[in-house]
């Protein structure tokens, strides 16, 4: 909710450019997707440019048209999102790209599908506070 409130506050001034600095760092993937959808909708509705500042190249590659990679206050690489993701030249950019979690990686855990009971998950005394 804090992210949505901050976006709403920023939109009150009807900016031509919105700077979203580490907007998704502490969000789980579901909320992150909702915030991205909200920002994209606002961008389209208000014909607004957005500058995303993030170390999460996986998220940025999925939403940005162009990417500028910086390391130690220096631009190390710039180009279209596809160019950066598929043809990165700088070692720092490659380091960021290799840090993106992949669903195709081998799972090191050995899950057994055989169980003694049909219960998969049991939770007792769960409380939720907001």
C-alpha atoms as a PDB file:
ATOM      1  CA  UNK A   1       0.000   0.000   0.000  1.00  0.00           C
ATOM      2  CA  UNK A   2       2.898   2.376   0.685  1.00  0.00           C
ATOM      3  CA  UNK A   3       4.060   2.051  -2.907  1.00  0.00           C
ATOM      4  CA  UNK A   4       0.576   2.895  -4.189  1.00  0.00           C
ATOM      5  CA  UNK A   5       0.331   5.914  -1.875  1.00  0.00           C
ATOM      6  CA  UNK A   6       3.739   7.183  -3.015  1.00  0.00           C
ATOM      7  CA  UNK A   7       2.733   6.760  -6.660  1.00  0.00           C
ATOM      8  CA  UNK A   8      -0.526   8.612  -6.014  1.00  0.00           C
ATOM      9  CA  UNK A   9       1.347  11.456  -4.308  1.00  0.00           C
ATOM     10  CA  UNK A  10       3.776  11.692  -7.217  1.00  0.00           C
ATOM     11  CA  UNK A  11       0.946  11.709  -9.758  1.00  0.00           C
ATOM     12  CA  UNK A  12      -0.789  14.662  -8.065  1.00  0.00           C
ATOM     13  CA  UNK A  13       1.753  16.983  -9.672  1.00  0.00           C
ATOM     14  CA  UNK A  14       1.016  15.562 -13.148  1.00  0.00           C
ATOM     15  CA  UNK A  15       4.683  14.985 -13.977  1.00  0.00           C
ATOM     16  CA  UNK A  16       5.962  14.533 -17.520  1.00  0.00           C
ATOM     17  CA  UNK A  17       8.597  12.147 -16.142  1.00  0.00           C
ATOM     18  CA  UNK A  18       8.256   9.882 -13.098  1.00  0.00           C
ATOM     19  CA  UNK A  19      11.399   8.592 -11.411  1.00  0.00           C
ATOM     20  CA  UNK A  20      10.768   5.226  -9.751  1.00  0.00           C
ATOM     21  CA  UNK A  21      13.822   4.608  -7.566  1.00  0.00           C
ATOM     22  CA  UNK A  22      14.074   1.003  -6.306  1.00  0.00           C
ATOM     23  CA  UNK A  23      10.290   0.808  -6.469  1.00  0.00           C
ATOM     24  CA  UNK A  24      10.107  -2.977  -6.223  1.00  0.00           C
ATOM     25  CA  UNK A  25      12.958  -3.872  -3.876  1.00  0.00           C
ATOM     26  CA  UNK A  26      10.918  -5.004  -0.865  1.00  0.00           C
ATOM     27  CA  UNK A  27       7.858  -6.289  -2.721  1.00  0.00           C
ATOM     28  CA  UNK A  28       6.930  -9.901  -3.284  1.00  0.00           C
ATOM     29  CA  UNK A  29       6.480 -10.901  -6.930  1.00  0.00           C
ATOM     30  CA  UNK A  30       2.674 -10.680  -6.862  1.00  0.00           C
ATOM     31  CA  UNK A  31       2.587  -7.147  -5.475  1.00  0.00           C
ATOM     32  CA  UNK A  32       5.521  -6.194  -7.720  1.00  0.00           C
ATOM     33  CA  UNK A  33       3.510  -7.264 -10.777  1.00  0.00           C
ATOM     34  CA  UNK A  34       0.511  -5.233  -9.583  1.00  0.00           C
ATOM     35  CA  UNK A  35       2.648  -2.115  -9.063  1.00  0.00           C
ATOM     36  CA  UNK A  36       4.245  -2.555 -12.496  1.00  0.00           C
ATOM     37  CA  UNK A  37       0.805  -2.874 -14.072  1.00  0.00           C
ATOM     38  CA  UNK A  38      -0.357   0.244 -12.218  1.00  0.00           C
ATOM     39  CA  UNK A  39       2.677   2.265 -13.320  1.00  0.00           C
ATOM     40  CA  UNK A  40       2.339   1.080 -16.926  1.00  0.00           C
ATOM     41  CA  UNK A  41      -1.342   2.058 -16.924  1.00  0.00           C
ATOM     42  CA  UNK A  42      -0.512   5.511 -15.556  1.00  0.00           C
ATOM     43  CA  UNK A  43       2.236   5.911 -18.147  1.00  0.00           C
ATOM     44  CA  UNK A  44      -0.146   5.122 -20.991  1.00  0.00           C
ATOM     45  CA  UNK A  45      -3.003   7.222 -19.587  1.00  0.00           C
ATOM     46  CA  UNK A  46      -0.891  10.323 -18.917  1.00  0.00           C
ATOM     47  CA  UNK A  47       1.629   9.933 -21.775  1.00  0.00           C
ATOM     48  CA  UNK A  48       4.401  10.082 -19.196  1.00  0.00           C
ATOM     49  CA  UNK A  49       8.024   9.002 -19.347  1.00  0.00           C
ATOM     50  CA  UNK A  50       9.335   6.815 -16.529  1.00  0.00           C
ATOM     51  CA  UNK A  51      12.885   6.369 -15.353  1.00  0.00           C
ATOM     52  CA  UNK A  52      13.271   3.159 -13.362  1.00  0.00           C
ATOM     53  CA  UNK A  53      16.261   3.034 -11.038  1.00  0.00           C
ATOM     54  CA  UNK A  54      16.953  -0.524  -9.927  1.00  0.00           C
ATOM     55  CA  UNK A  55      19.619  -3.160  -9.496  1.00  0.00           C
ATOM     56  CA  UNK A  56      17.042  -5.788 -10.546  1.00  0.00           C
ATOM     57  CA  UNK A  57      17.820  -6.089 -14.239  1.00  0.00           C
ATOM     58  CA  UNK A  58      15.288  -8.902 -14.583  1.00  0.00           C
ATOM     59  CA  UNK A  59      12.409  -6.584 -13.692  1.00  0.00           C
ATOM     60  CA  UNK A  60      13.795  -3.666 -15.682  1.00  0.00           C
ATOM     61  CA  UNK A  61      14.355  -5.779 -18.805  1.00  0.00           C
ATOM     62  CA  UNK A  62      10.685  -6.734 -18.759  1.00  0.00           C
ATOM     63  CA  UNK A  63       9.356  -3.172 -18.652  1.00  0.00           C
ATOM     64  CA  UNK A  64      11.933  -0.809 -20.138  1.00  0.00           C
ATOM     65  CA  UNK A  65      12.424   0.173 -23.746  1.00  0.00           C
ATOM     66  CA  UNK A  66      16.011   1.253 -23.129  1.00  0.00           C
ATOM     67  CA  UNK A  67      18.478   0.417 -20.366  1.00  0.00           C
ATOM     68  CA  UNK A  68      21.424   2.380 -19.083  1.00  0.00           C
ATOM     69  CA  UNK A  69      23.726   0.417 -16.741  1.00  0.00           C
ATOM     70  CA  UNK A  70      25.859   2.326 -14.274  1.00  0.00           C
ATOM     71  CA  UNK A  71      28.655   1.178 -12.004  1.00  0.00           C
ATOM     72  CA  UNK A  72      30.503   3.451  -9.589  1.00  0.00           C
ATOM     73  CA  UNK A  73      28.830   6.586 -10.988  1.00  0.00           C
ATOM     74  CA  UNK A  74      29.889   5.726 -14.552  1.00  0.00           C
ATOM     75  CA  UNK A  75      27.772   4.587 -17.486  1.00  0.00           C
ATOM     76  CA  UNK A  76      29.154   1.184 -18.483  1.00  0.00           C
ATOM     77  CA  UNK A  77      26.542   0.180 -21.045  1.00  0.00           C
ATOM     78  CA  UNK A  78      23.444   1.506 -22.752  1.00  0.00           C
ATOM     79  CA  UNK A  79      21.067   0.275 -25.383  1.00  0.00           C
ATOM     80  CA  UNK A  80      17.682  -1.250 -26.050  1.00  0.00           C
ATOM     81  CA  UNK A  81      16.410  -3.686 -23.436  1.00  0.00           C
ATOM     82  CA  UNK A  82      16.885  -6.587 -25.868  1.00  0.00           C
ATOM     83  CA  UNK A  83      20.416  -5.462 -26.715  1.00  0.00           C
ATOM     84  CA  UNK A  84      21.443  -5.274 -23.084  1.00  0.00           C
ATOM     85  CA  UNK A  85      19.833  -8.570 -22.086  1.00  0.00           C
ATOM     86  CA  UNK A  86      20.980 -10.636 -25.069  1.00  0.00           C
ATOM     87  CA  UNK A  87      24.229  -8.910 -26.080  1.00  0.00           C
ATOM     88  CA  UNK A  88      25.694  -7.422 -22.911  1.00  0.00           C
ATOM     89  CA  UNK A  89      29.335  -6.494 -23.296  1.00  0.00           C
ATOM     90  CA  UNK A  90      30.333  -5.045 -19.937  1.00  0.00           C
ATOM     91  CA  UNK A  91      31.375  -7.420 -17.111  1.00  0.00           C
ATOM     92  CA  UNK A  92      29.229  -5.537 -14.570  1.00  0.00           C
ATOM     93  CA  UNK A  93      26.156  -5.847 -16.800  1.00  0.00           C
ATOM     94  CA  UNK A  94      26.839  -9.561 -17.188  1.00  0.00           C
ATOM     95  CA  UNK A  95      27.144  -9.867 -13.413  1.00  0.00           C
ATOM     96  CA  UNK A  96      23.728  -8.249 -12.994  1.00  0.00           C
ATOM     97  CA  UNK A  97      22.247 -10.542 -15.623  1.00  0.00           C
ATOM     98  CA  UNK A  98      23.656 -13.702 -14.041  1.00  0.00           C
ATOM     99  CA  UNK A  99      22.144 -12.696 -10.704  1.00  0.00           C
ATOM    100  CA  UNK A 100      18.629 -12.999 -12.157  1.00  0.00           C
ATOM    101  CA  UNK A 101      16.984 -16.130 -10.724  1.00  0.00           C
ATOM    102  CA  UNK A 102      16.185 -18.680 -13.381  1.00  0.00           C
ATOM    103  CA  UNK A 103      13.423 -21.244 -13.295  1.00  0.00           C
ATOM    104  CA  UNK A 104      15.460 -23.462 -15.589  1.00  0.00           C
ATOM    105  CA  UNK A 105      18.226 -24.066 -13.045  1.00  0.00           C
ATOM    106  CA  UNK A 106      18.595 -27.540 -11.648  1.00  0.00           C
ATOM    107  CA  UNK A 107      16.734 -27.923  -8.358  1.00  0.00           C
ATOM    108  CA  UNK A 108      19.259 -29.110  -5.741  1.00  0.00           C
ATOM    109  CA  UNK A 109      16.550 -30.473  -3.475  1.00  0.00           C
ATOM    110  CA  UNK A 110      15.247 -33.975  -3.781  1.00  0.00           C
ATOM    111  CA  UNK A 111      11.508 -33.919  -3.257  1.00  0.00           C
ATOM    112  CA  UNK A 112       9.815 -37.212  -2.652  1.00  0.00           C
ATOM    113  CA  UNK A 113       6.284 -37.543  -3.914  1.00  0.00           C
ATOM    114  CA  UNK A 114       5.622 -40.419  -1.588  1.00  0.00           C
ATOM    115  CA  UNK A 115       4.071 -39.363   1.700  1.00  0.00           C
ATOM    116  CA  UNK A 116       2.679 -41.319   4.600  1.00  0.00           C
ATOM    117  CA  UNK A 117      -0.386 -39.092   4.806  1.00  0.00           C
ATOM    118  CA  UNK A 118      -2.297 -37.006   2.311  1.00  0.00           C
ATOM    119  CA  UNK A 119      -1.623 -33.814   4.298  1.00  0.00           C
ATOM    120  CA  UNK A 120       0.807 -31.613   2.429  1.00  0.00           C
ATOM    121  CA  UNK A 121       0.830 -28.626   4.760  1.00  0.00           C
ATOM    122  CA  UNK A 122      -0.579 -28.101   8.213  1.00  0.00           C
ATOM    123  CA  UNK A 123      -0.596 -24.796  10.093  1.00  0.00           C
ATOM    124  CA  UNK A 124      -1.795 -24.330  13.648  1.00  0.00           C
ATOM    125  CA  UNK A 125      -2.401 -21.132  15.611  1.00  0.00           C
ATOM    126  CA  UNK A 126      -1.771 -18.844  12.640  1.00  0.00           C
ATOM    127  CA  UNK A 127      -2.469 -15.155  13.259  1.00  0.00           C
ATOM    128  CA  UNK A 128      -2.282 -12.333  10.760  1.00  0.00           C
ATOM    129  CA  UNK A 129      -1.934  -8.684  11.721  1.00  0.00           C
ATOM    130  CA  UNK A 130      -2.171  -5.542   9.608  1.00  0.00           C
END
